[in-house]
C-alpha cells in the first residue's frame, strides 16, 4: 500500500505548531532568516521522515496498536525538536 500525503496528519500539525512557536526564536542572530529556515527545515524533515517510518511499520504489521506507535512518535519528535533547538541556540550564538 502506498503512502499518501494525507496520511501525514501529525506531521502537518507539527509543521503548523513549529511555524507558530519558533518563527521568532532566532531574531537576535546575525542571519535570522536563514537560521530560522534551516531550523524549521531540519525539524520538519525529521518529523515527516519519522512519521513515514511509523506509517510503513503499521502497514506491514497491521495487528499492532497504532496508538502506542503514534505516542512514541510524538515523544521522540518532541525530544528531537528540543535537542535541535538547543544545538541551534548554542551553535549559532
Protein backbone atom coordinates (compact mmCIF):
# COMPACT_ATOMS: atom_id res chain seq x y z
CA UNK A 1 0.00 0.00 0.00
CA UNK A 2 1.37 3.40 -0.95
CA UNK A 3 1.75 6.27 1.48
CA UNK A 4 -0.39 9.28 0.57
CA UNK A 5 0.15 12.89 1.59
CA UNK A 6 -3.00 12.89 3.71
CA UNK A 7 -1.52 10.07 5.85
CA UNK A 8 0.95 12.54 7.40
CA UNK A 9 -1.66 14.02 9.75
CA UNK A 10 0.58 14.55 12.79
CA UNK A 11 3.45 15.98 10.73
CA UNK A 12 1.17 18.67 9.32
CA UNK A 13 0.05 19.59 12.83
CA UNK A 14 3.69 19.62 13.93
CA UNK A 15 4.61 21.80 10.92
CA UNK A 16 1.99 24.37 11.86
CA UNK A 17 2.92 24.40 15.52
CA UNK A 18 6.65 24.76 14.85
CA UNK A 19 5.98 27.65 12.48
CA UNK A 20 3.96 29.39 15.17
CA UNK A 21 6.26 28.62 18.10
CA UNK A 22 9.72 29.01 16.58
CA UNK A 23 9.30 31.60 13.82
CA UNK A 24 10.64 34.42 16.01
CA UNK A 25 13.16 32.46 18.08
CA UNK A 26 16.27 33.46 16.15
CA UNK A 27 15.73 37.19 15.59
CA UNK A 28 18.84 38.22 17.55
CA UNK A 29 21.22 36.22 15.36
CA UNK A 30 23.42 37.61 12.58
CA UNK A 31 21.41 35.88 9.85
CA UNK A 32 17.97 35.28 11.41
CA UNK A 33 16.02 34.32 8.29
CA UNK A 34 18.48 31.67 7.14
CA UNK A 35 18.86 30.26 10.67
CA UNK A 36 15.08 30.06 11.14
CA UNK A 37 14.51 28.44 7.75
CA UNK A 38 17.31 25.93 8.35
CA UNK A 39 15.94 25.08 11.80
CA UNK A 40 12.36 24.65 10.57
CA UNK A 41 13.50 22.61 7.58
CA UNK A 42 15.58 20.27 9.72
CA UNK A 43 12.92 19.79 12.40
CA UNK A 44 10.07 19.21 9.98
CA UNK A 45 12.15 16.94 7.76
CA UNK A 46 12.76 14.70 10.78
CA UNK A 47 9.05 14.83 11.58
CA UNK A 48 7.93 13.72 8.12
CA UNK A 49 10.65 11.06 7.98
CA UNK A 50 9.71 9.63 11.37
CA UNK A 51 6.01 9.59 10.54
CA UNK A 52 6.76 7.89 7.23
CA UNK A 53 8.61 5.15 9.12
CA UNK A 54 5.70 4.80 11.58
CA UNK A 55 3.18 4.55 8.72
CA UNK A 56 5.23 1.94 6.88
CA UNK A 57 5.71 -0.08 10.07
CA UNK A 58 1.99 -0.22 10.77
CA UNK A 59 1.18 -1.05 7.17
CA UNK A 60 3.49 -4.04 7.49
CA UNK A 61 2.32 -5.03 10.99
CA UNK A 62 -1.41 -4.28 10.91
CA UNK A 63 -2.30 -6.19 14.08
CA UNK A 64 -0.30 -3.89 16.39
CA UNK A 65 -1.81 -0.92 18.23
CA UNK A 66 -1.34 2.29 16.22
CA UNK A 67 -1.92 4.49 19.28
CA UNK A 68 1.22 3.28 21.03
CA UNK A 69 3.25 3.88 17.88
CA UNK A 70 2.00 7.42 17.50
CA UNK A 71 2.56 8.20 21.18
CA UNK A 72 6.14 7.06 20.76
CA UNK A 73 6.41 9.10 17.53
CA UNK A 74 5.19 12.29 19.22
CA UNK A 75 7.52 11.78 22.19
CA UNK A 76 10.57 11.15 20.04
CA UNK A 77 9.75 14.08 17.78
CA UNK A 78 9.45 16.45 20.75
CA UNK A 79 12.83 15.27 22.03
CA UNK A 80 14.37 15.76 18.57
CA UNK A 81 12.92 19.26 18.36
CA UNK A 82 14.20 20.29 21.78
CA UNK A 83 17.61 18.81 21.03
CA UNK A 84 17.88 20.54 17.65
CA UNK A 85 16.71 23.82 19.19
CA UNK A 86 19.38 23.63 21.91
CA UNK A 87 22.06 22.84 19.34
CA UNK A 88 20.99 25.83 17.25
CA UNK A 89 20.93 28.10 20.32
CA UNK A 90 24.45 27.13 21.36
CA UNK A 91 25.91 26.73 17.87
CA UNK A 92 24.72 30.00 16.30
CA UNK A 93 25.10 32.39 19.26
